Amino acid sequence: ISAVGAALACIAAAIAVDLGALALHARKV
């Protein structure tokens, strides 16, 4: 369960980083 949860947390963190970068870039555009 810990391994699966860690993998899902890494995926969620990656999505959050990219969404934040997209939002910041959209403001610049």
PDB file of all heavy atoms in Angstrom:
ATOM      1  N   ILE A   1       0.841  -1.208   0.000  1.00  0.00           N
ATOM      2  CA  ILE A   1       0.000   0.000   0.000  1.00  0.00           C
ATOM      3  C   ILE A   1       0.870   1.250   0.000  1.00  0.00           C
ATOM      4  O   ILE A   1       0.600   2.231  -0.699  1.00  0.00           O
ATOM      5  CB  ILE A   1      -0.952  -0.022   1.208  1.00  0.00           C
ATOM      6  CG1 ILE A   1      -1.989  -1.140   1.043  1.00  0.00           C
ATOM      7  CG2 ILE A   1      -1.655   1.314   1.371  1.00  0.00           C
ATOM      8  CD1 ILE A   1      -2.875  -1.345   2.246  1.00  0.00           C
ATOM      9  N   SER A   2       1.958   1.232   0.748  1.00  0.00           N
ATOM     10  CA  SER A   2       2.863   2.385   0.791  1.00  0.00           C
ATOM     11  C   SER A   2       3.516   2.628  -0.560  1.00  0.00           C
ATOM     12  O   SER A   2       3.660   3.771  -1.004  1.00  0.00           O
ATOM     13  CB  SER A   2       3.942   2.171   1.852  1.00  0.00           C
ATOM     14  OG  SER A   2       3.360   2.043   3.131  1.00  0.00           O
ATOM     15  N   ALA A   3       3.911   1.563  -1.232  1.00  0.00           N
ATOM     16  CA  ALA A   3       4.546   1.715  -2.548  1.00  0.00           C
ATOM     17  C   ALA A   3       3.571   2.290  -3.566  1.00  0.00           C
ATOM     18  O   ALA A   3       3.908   3.202  -4.333  1.00  0.00           O
ATOM     19  CB  ALA A   3       5.084   0.364  -3.015  1.00  0.00           C
ATOM     20  N   VAL A   4       2.340   1.761  -3.570  1.00  0.00           N
ATOM     21  CA  VAL A   4       1.327   2.278  -4.501  1.00  0.00           C
ATOM     22  C   VAL A   4       0.985   3.727  -4.164  1.00  0.00           C
ATOM     23  O   VAL A   4       0.862   4.597  -5.050  1.00  0.00           O
ATOM     24  CB  VAL A   4       0.073   1.384  -4.471  1.00  0.00           C
ATOM     25  CG1 VAL A   4      -1.058   2.012  -5.289  1.00  0.00           C
ATOM     26  CG2 VAL A   4       0.396   0.003  -4.992  1.00  0.00           C
ATOM     27  N   GLY A   5       0.857   4.042  -2.870  1.00  0.00           N
ATOM     28  CA  GLY A   5       0.556   5.419  -2.462  1.00  0.00           C
ATOM     29  C   GLY A   5       1.668   6.380  -2.829  1.00  0.00           C
ATOM     30  O   GLY A   5       1.416   7.507  -3.259  1.00  0.00           O
ATOM     31  N   ALA A   6       2.922   5.939  -2.673  1.00  0.00           N
ATOM     32  CA  ALA A   6       4.045   6.801  -3.039  1.00  0.00           C
ATOM     33  C   ALA A   6       4.073   7.064  -4.530  1.00  0.00           C
ATOM     34  O   ALA A   6       4.351   8.185  -4.981  1.00  0.00           O
ATOM     35  CB  ALA A   6       5.365   6.170  -2.579  1.00  0.00           C
ATOM     36  N   ALA A   7       3.775   6.047  -5.319  1.00  0.00           N
ATOM     37  CA  ALA A   7       3.742   6.234  -6.776  1.00  0.00           C
ATOM     38  C   ALA A   7       2.638   7.209  -7.173  1.00  0.00           C
ATOM     39  O   ALA A   7       2.840   8.109  -8.008  1.00  0.00           O
ATOM     40  CB  ALA A   7       3.546   4.893  -7.470  1.00  0.00           C
ATOM     41  N   LEU A   8       1.454   7.065  -6.570  1.00  0.00           N
ATOM     42  CA  LEU A   8       0.355   7.994  -6.864  1.00  0.00           C
ATOM     43  C   LEU A   8       0.684   9.412  -6.405  1.00  0.00           C
ATOM     44  O   LEU A   8       0.339  10.386  -7.077  1.00  0.00           O
ATOM     45  CB  LEU A   8      -0.935   7.501  -6.202  1.00  0.00           C
ATOM     46  CG  LEU A   8      -1.539   6.220  -6.775  1.00  0.00           C
ATOM     47  CD1 LEU A   8      -2.756   5.803  -5.961  1.00  0.00           C
ATOM     48  CD2 LEU A   8      -1.908   6.415  -8.236  1.00  0.00           C
ATOM     49  N   ALA A   9       1.370   9.546  -5.267  1.00  0.00           N
ATOM     50  CA  ALA A   9       1.762  10.875  -4.784  1.00  0.00           C
ATOM     51  C   ALA A   9       2.762  11.526  -5.731  1.00  0.00           C
ATOM     52  O   ALA A   9       2.691  12.733  -5.987  1.00  0.00           O
ATOM     53  CB  ALA A   9       2.356  10.762  -3.379  1.00  0.00           C
ATOM     54  N   CYS A  10       3.682  10.737  -6.279  1.00  0.00           N
ATOM     55  CA  CYS A  10       4.645  11.284  -7.241  1.00  0.00           C
ATOM     56  C   CYS A  10       3.946  11.753  -8.513  1.00  0.00           C
ATOM     57  O   CYS A  10       4.265  12.815  -9.062  1.00  0.00           O
ATOM     58  CB  CYS A  10       5.708  10.238  -7.570  1.00  0.00           C
ATOM     59  SG  CYS A  10       6.865   9.914  -6.230  1.00  0.00           S
ATOM     60  N   ILE A  11       2.979  10.979  -8.981  1.00  0.00           N
ATOM     61  CA  ILE A  11       2.229  11.372 -10.180  1.00  0.00           C
ATOM     62  C   ILE A  11       1.429  12.652  -9.920  1.00  0.00           C
ATOM     63  O   ILE A  11       1.400  13.569 -10.744  1.00  0.00           O
ATOM     64  CB  ILE A  11       1.310  10.219 -10.626  1.00  0.00           C
ATOM     65  CG1 ILE A  11       2.152   9.038 -11.117  1.00  0.00           C
ATOM     66  CG2 ILE A  11       0.356  10.675 -11.717  1.00  0.00           C
ATOM     67  CD1 ILE A  11       1.347   7.790 -11.411  1.00  0.00           C
ATOM     68  N   ALA A  12       0.789  12.719  -8.741  1.00  0.00           N
ATOM     69  CA  ALA A  12       0.016  13.922  -8.400  1.00  0.00           C
ATOM     70  C   ALA A  12       0.923  15.136  -8.279  1.00  0.00           C
ATOM     71  O   ALA A  12       0.572  16.238  -8.719  1.00  0.00           O
ATOM     72  CB  ALA A  12      -0.743  13.696  -7.094  1.00  0.00           C
ATOM     73  N   ALA A  13       2.109  14.965  -7.700  1.00  0.00           N
ATOM     74  CA  ALA A  13       3.052  16.075  -7.581  1.00  0.00           C
ATOM     75  C   ALA A  13       3.526  16.541  -8.946  1.00  0.00           C
ATOM     76  O   ALA A  13       3.657  17.746  -9.205  1.00  0.00           O
ATOM     77  CB  ALA A  13       4.241  15.663  -6.713  1.00  0.00           C
ATOM     78  N   ALA A  14       3.767  15.601  -9.860  1.00  0.00           N
ATOM     79  CA  ALA A  14       4.197  15.970 -11.213  1.00  0.00           C
ATOM     80  C   ALA A  14       3.112  16.758 -11.935  1.00  0.00           C
ATOM     81  O   ALA A  14       3.377  17.774 -12.590  1.00  0.00           O
ATOM     82  CB  ALA A  14       4.554  14.708 -11.998  1.00  0.00           C
ATOM     83  N   ILE A  15       1.857  16.314 -11.791  1.00  0.00           N
ATOM     84  CA  ILE A  15       0.743  17.026 -12.418  1.00  0.00           C
ATOM     85  C   ILE A  15       0.599  18.415 -11.810  1.00  0.00           C
ATOM     86  O   ILE A  15       0.367  19.408 -12.520  1.00  0.00           O
ATOM     87  CB  ILE A  15      -0.549  16.211 -12.283  1.00  0.00           C
ATOM     88  CG1 ILE A  15      -0.453  14.927 -13.113  1.00  0.00           C
ATOM     89  CG2 ILE A  15      -1.756  17.026 -12.720  1.00  0.00           C
ATOM     90  CD1 ILE A  15      -1.607  13.972 -12.913  1.00  0.00           C
ATOM     91  N   ALA A  16       0.747  18.525 -10.503  1.00  0.00           N
ATOM     92  CA  ALA A  16       0.617  19.832  -9.837  1.00  0.00           C
ATOM     93  C   ALA A  16       1.712  20.790 -10.293  1.00  0.00           C
ATOM     94  O   ALA A  16       1.451  21.978 -10.526  1.00  0.00           O
ATOM     95  CB  ALA A  16       0.670  19.644  -8.327  1.00  0.00           C
ATOM     96  N   VAL A  17       2.939  20.295 -10.443  1.00  0.00           N
ATOM     97  CA  VAL A  17       4.035  21.151 -10.906  1.00  0.00           C
ATOM     98  C   VAL A  17       3.747  21.671 -12.315  1.00  0.00           C
ATOM     99  O   VAL A  17       3.916  22.859 -12.618  1.00  0.00           O
ATOM    100  CB  VAL A  17       5.374  20.389 -10.848  1.00  0.00           C
ATOM    101  CG1 VAL A  17       6.465  21.130 -11.606  1.00  0.00           C
ATOM    102  CG2 VAL A  17       5.796  20.169  -9.408  1.00  0.00           C
ATOM    103  N   ASP A  18       3.317  20.788 -13.200  1.00  0.00           N
ATOM    104  CA  ASP A  18       3.044  21.209 -14.567  1.00  0.00           C
ATOM    105  C   ASP A  18       1.840  22.141 -14.655  1.00  0.00           C
ATOM    106  O   ASP A  18       1.844  23.100 -15.434  1.00  0.00           O
ATOM    107  CB  ASP A  18       2.826  19.987 -15.456  1.00  0.00           C
ATOM    108  CG  ASP A  18       4.133  19.396 -15.934  1.00  0.00           C
ATOM    109  OD1 ASP A  18       5.191  19.978 -15.637  1.00  0.00           O
ATOM    110  OD2 ASP A  18       4.115  18.346 -16.596  1.00  0.00           O
ATOM    111  N   LEU A  19       0.799  21.883 -13.855  1.00  0.00           N
ATOM    112  CA  LEU A  19      -0.357  22.793 -13.855  1.00  0.00           C
ATOM    113  C   LEU A  19       0.028  24.170 -13.337  1.00  0.00           C
ATOM    114  O   LEU A  19      -0.420  25.196 -13.854  1.00  0.00           O
ATOM    115  CB  LEU A  19      -1.492  22.199 -13.020  1.00  0.00           C
ATOM    116  CG  LEU A  19      -2.248  21.029 -13.639  1.00  0.00           C
ATOM    117  CD1 LEU A  19      -3.303  20.502 -12.675  1.00  0.00           C
ATOM    118  CD2 LEU A  19      -2.887  21.434 -14.957  1.00  0.00           C
ATOM    119  N   GLY A  20       0.872  24.208 -12.305  1.00  0.00           N
ATOM    120  CA  GLY A  20       1.341  25.496 -11.814  1.00  0.00           C
ATOM    121  C   GLY A  20       2.171  26.229 -12.838  1.00  0.00           C
ATOM    122  O   GLY A  20       2.036  27.454 -13.018  1.00  0.00           O
ATOM    123  N   ALA A  21       3.040  25.497 -13.546  1.00  0.00           N
ATOM    124  CA  ALA A  21       3.846  26.122 -14.603  1.00  0.00           C
ATOM    125  C   ALA A  21       2.969  26.641 -15.732  1.00  0.00           C
ATOM    126  O   ALA A  21       3.206  27.726 -16.276  1.00  0.00           O
ATOM    127  CB  ALA A  21       4.869  25.124 -15.131  1.00  0.00           C
ATOM    128  N   LEU A  22       1.920  25.878 -16.080  1.00  0.00           N
ATOM    129  CA  LEU A  22       0.998  26.328 -17.122  1.00  0.00           C
ATOM    130  C   LEU A  22       0.243  27.582 -16.706  1.00  0.00           C
ATOM    131  O   LEU A  22       0.054  28.507 -17.505  1.00  0.00           O
ATOM    132  CB  LEU A  22       0.009  25.211 -17.464  1.00  0.00           C
ATOM    133  CG  LEU A  22       0.519  24.090 -18.361  1.00  0.00           C
ATOM    134  CD1 LEU A  22      -0.511  22.990 -18.477  1.00  0.00           C
ATOM    135  CD2 LEU A  22       0.865  24.632 -19.732  1.00  0.00           C
ATOM    136  N   ALA A  23      -0.215  27.625 -15.464  1.00  0.00           N
ATOM    137  CA  ALA A  23      -0.941  28.807 -14.983  1.00  0.00           C
ATOM    138  C   ALA A  23      -0.044  30.040 -14.978  1.00  0.00           C
ATOM    139  O   ALA A  23      -0.460  31.131 -15.385  1.00  0.00           O
ATOM    140  CB  ALA A  23      -1.494  28.542 -13.585  1.00  0.00           C
ATOM    141  N   LEU A  24       1.194  29.880 -14.530  1.00  0.00           N
ATOM    142  CA  LEU A  24       2.128  31.006 -14.521  1.00  0.00           C
ATOM    143  C   LEU A  24       2.443  31.467 -15.934  1.00  0.00           C
ATOM    144  O   LEU A  24       2.480  32.664 -16.217  1.00  0.00           O
ATOM    145  CB  LEU A  24       3.406  30.608 -13.786  1.00  0.00           C
ATOM    146  CG  LEU A  24       4.492  31.685 -13.681  1.00  0.00           C
ATOM    147  CD1 LEU A  24       3.976  32.886 -12.899  1.00  0.00           C
ATOM    148  CD2 LEU A  24       5.735  31.107 -13.020  1.00  0.00           C
ATOM    149  N   HIS A  25       2.638  30.527 -16.841  1.00  0.00           N
ATOM    150  CA  HIS A  25       2.937  30.895 -18.228  1.00  0.00           C
ATOM    151  C   HIS A  25       1.732  31.563 -18.880  1.00  0.00           C
ATOM    152  O   HIS A  25       1.890  32.481 -19.689  1.00  0.00           O
ATOM    153  CB  HIS A  25       3.353  29.658 -19.008  1.00  0.00           C
ATOM    154  CG  HIS A  25       3.860  29.972 -20.378  1.00  0.00           C
ATOM    155  ND1 HIS A  25       5.077  30.577 -20.597  1.00  0.00           N
ATOM    156  CD2 HIS A  25       3.313  29.786 -21.605  1.00  0.00           C
ATOM    157  CE1 HIS A  25       5.268  30.731 -21.891  1.00  0.00           C
ATOM    158  NE2 HIS A  25       4.205  30.260 -22.529  1.00  0.00           N
ATOM    159  N   ALA A  26       0.520  31.103 -18.544  1.00  0.00           N
ATOM    160  CA  ALA A  26      -0.685  31.731 -19.105  1.00  0.00           C
ATOM    161  C   ALA A  26      -0.789  33.187 -18.668  1.00  0.00           C
ATOM    162  O   ALA A  26      -1.189  34.055 -19.456  1.00  0.00           O
ATOM    163  CB  ALA A  26      -1.927  30.954 -18.673  1.00  0.00           C
ATOM    164  N   ARG A  27      -0.392  33.491 -17.432  1.00  0.00           N
ATOM    165  CA  ARG A  27      -0.396  34.883 -16.982  1.00  0.00           C
ATOM    166  C   ARG A  27       0.630  35.705 -17.749  1.00  0.00           C
ATOM    167  O   ARG A  27       0.394  36.872 -18.091  1.00  0.00           O
ATOM    168  CB  ARG A  27      -0.111  34.940 -15.484  1.00  0.00           C
ATOM    169  CG  ARG A  27      -1.246  34.409 -14.630  1.00  0.00           C
ATOM    170  CD  ARG A  27      -0.949  34.539 -13.156  1.00  0.00           C
ATOM    171  NE  ARG A  27      -0.789  35.923 -12.764  1.00  0.00           N
ATOM    172  CZ  ARG A  27      -0.471  36.325 -11.546  1.00  0.00           C
ATOM    173  NH1 ARG A  27      -0.272  35.424 -10.602  1.00  0.00           N
ATOM    174  NH2 ARG A  27      -0.358  37.592 -11.257  1.00  0.00           N
ATOM    175  N   LYS A  28       1.800  35.112 -18.023  1.00  0.00           N
ATOM    176  CA  LYS A  28       2.813  35.827 -18.798  1.00  0.00           C
ATOM    177  C   LYS A  28       2.333  36.097 -20.225  1.00  0.00           C
ATOM    178  O   LYS A  28       2.546  37.184 -20.761  1.00  0.00           O
ATOM    179  CB  LYS A  28       4.111  35.013 -18.829  1.00  0.00           C
ATOM    180  CG  LYS A  28       4.843  34.959 -17.510  1.00  0.00           C
ATOM    181  CD  LYS A  28       6.124  34.155 -17.637  1.00  0.00           C
ATOM    182  CE  LYS A  28       6.859  34.084 -16.306  1.00  0.00           C
ATOM    183  NZ  LYS A  28       8.104  33.262 -16.409  1.00  0.00           N
ATOM    184  N   VAL A  29       1.685  35.106 -20.821  1.00  0.00           N
ATOM    185  CA  VAL A  29       1.169  35.293 -22.181  1.00  0.00           C
ATOM    186  C   VAL A  29       0.079  36.357 -22.194  1.00  0.00           C
ATOM    187  O   VAL A  29       0.023  37.195 -23.109  1.00  0.00           O
ATOM    188  CB  VAL A  29       0.640  33.948 -22.735  1.00  0.00           C
ATOM    189  CG1 VAL A  29      -0.031  34.140 -24.086  1.00  0.00           C
ATOM    190  CG2 VAL A  29       1.781  32.955 -22.862  1.00  0.00           C
TER     191      VAL A  29
END
